[in-house]
Amino acid sequence: MSEKRFSEMTAPELRQEIVALNEKAKKAEQMGMVNEFSVYERRVLLAKAYLLNPEDIKPGQTYPLKDGHSTFAVSYMNGHFAWGYRNNETNLEGIPISLIEQ
């Protein structure tokens, strides 16, 4: 059984995958499987990143993150990931663009 990568999926396929992953995450949470829940949540964020246009994120700009209290200064883009610095820290970090508030 070979699964398609998110990058190979169409927008409707991505939306369908997000629904399926959310259902799996909900079941994992109800069963108390915290690690499995976290994996599904992360996969949803990645799938959502592929529904966004990476050209909307500009290197050199600082964006608020969806967590409500962090910022992210984008240094460069690599596909659907932004690389830069969270809250003016010194560690370079890559995040899916779905975490950026637009």
Protein backbone atom coordinates (compact mmCIF):
# COMPACT_ATOMS: atom_id res chain seq x y z
CA MET A 1 0.00 0.00 0.00
CA SER A 2 1.58 3.25 -1.08
CA GLU A 3 0.32 6.52 0.30
CA LYS A 4 0.52 9.70 -1.70
CA ARG A 5 2.69 12.49 -0.39
CA PHE A 6 0.93 15.72 0.48
CA SER A 7 2.85 17.39 -2.34
CA GLU A 8 1.29 14.95 -4.83
CA MET A 9 -2.29 15.48 -3.64
CA THR A 10 -4.87 17.82 -5.15
CA ALA A 11 -6.66 20.37 -2.96
CA PRO A 12 -9.79 18.17 -2.62
CA GLU A 13 -7.62 15.17 -1.69
CA LEU A 14 -5.81 17.28 0.92
CA ARG A 15 -9.11 18.43 2.43
CA GLN A 16 -10.34 14.84 2.57
CA GLU A 17 -7.08 13.75 4.21
CA ILE A 18 -7.38 16.54 6.79
CA VAL A 19 -10.89 15.35 7.70
CA ALA A 20 -9.64 11.76 8.05
CA LEU A 21 -6.65 12.82 10.17
CA ASN A 22 -8.87 14.94 12.42
CA GLU A 23 -11.13 11.92 13.00
CA LYS A 24 -8.12 9.74 13.86
CA ALA A 25 -6.81 12.45 16.20
CA LYS A 26 -10.17 12.67 17.95
CA LYS A 27 -10.24 8.88 18.48
CA ALA A 28 -6.67 8.88 19.76
CA GLU A 29 -7.48 11.69 22.20
CA GLN A 30 -10.58 9.86 23.47
CA MET A 31 -8.52 6.72 24.03
CA GLY A 32 -5.85 8.69 25.92
CA MET A 33 -3.16 8.07 23.31
CA VAL A 34 -1.39 11.42 23.66
CA ASN A 35 1.58 10.62 21.41
CA GLU A 36 -0.61 9.34 18.59
CA PHE A 37 -2.87 12.40 18.94
CA SER A 38 0.19 14.67 18.59
CA VAL A 39 1.31 12.88 15.43
CA TYR A 40 -2.10 13.32 13.80
CA GLU A 41 -2.24 17.00 14.81
CA ARG A 42 1.18 17.58 13.24
CA ARG A 43 0.16 15.81 10.04
CA VAL A 44 -2.94 18.03 9.81
CA LEU A 45 -0.70 21.11 10.05
CA LEU A 46 1.50 19.76 7.28
CA ALA A 47 -1.45 18.97 5.03
CA LYS A 48 -2.89 22.44 5.61
CA ALA A 49 0.46 23.96 4.58
CA TYR A 50 0.05 22.39 1.13
CA LEU A 51 -3.29 24.18 0.71
CA LEU A 52 -1.53 27.56 1.08
CA ASN A 53 0.54 29.50 -1.43
CA PRO A 54 4.16 29.76 -0.21
CA GLU A 55 4.64 32.89 -2.31
CA ASP A 56 2.36 34.74 0.15
CA ILE A 57 5.11 34.47 2.78
CA LYS A 58 7.95 36.92 2.19
CA PRO A 59 11.50 36.46 3.50
CA GLY A 60 12.56 39.40 5.64
CA GLN A 61 9.07 39.82 7.11
CA THR A 62 7.98 39.00 10.65
CA TYR A 63 4.61 37.29 11.05
CA PRO A 64 2.48 36.44 14.08
CA LEU A 65 1.97 32.73 14.67
CA LYS A 66 -1.42 31.13 15.20
CA ASP A 67 -0.55 30.30 18.82
CA GLY A 68 -1.46 33.92 19.58
CA HIS A 69 1.70 35.01 21.39
CA SER A 70 4.71 34.20 19.20
CA THR A 71 6.22 35.88 16.17
CA PHE A 72 8.31 34.37 13.40
CA ALA A 73 10.92 36.29 11.39
CA VAL A 74 11.22 34.52 8.02
CA SER A 75 14.75 34.25 6.64
CA TYR A 76 13.97 32.06 3.64
CA MET A 77 11.39 29.72 2.20
CA ASN A 78 11.88 26.09 1.23
CA GLY A 79 8.72 24.76 -0.37
CA HIS A 80 5.85 24.94 2.09
CA PHE A 81 8.17 25.58 5.03
CA ALA A 82 9.38 28.92 6.35
CA TRP A 83 12.82 29.02 7.92
CA GLY A 84 13.67 31.71 10.41
CA TYR A 85 13.60 32.73 14.04
CA ARG A 86 10.77 32.50 16.57
CA ASN A 87 10.50 35.44 19.01
CA ASN A 88 13.94 36.82 18.01
CA GLU A 89 15.72 33.69 19.26
CA THR A 90 19.08 32.66 17.80
CA ASN A 91 18.16 29.11 16.74
CA LEU A 92 17.16 28.73 13.10
CA GLU A 93 13.88 26.81 12.87
CA GLY A 94 11.69 25.51 10.06
CA ILE A 95 7.91 25.55 10.40
CA PRO A 96 5.04 24.66 8.07
CA ILE A 97 3.49 27.84 6.68
CA SER A 98 0.12 26.78 8.09
CA LEU A 99 1.40 27.93 11.52
CA ILE A 100 1.76 31.51 10.27
CA GLU A 101 -1.15 33.88 10.75
CA GLN A 102 -1.99 35.49 7.42
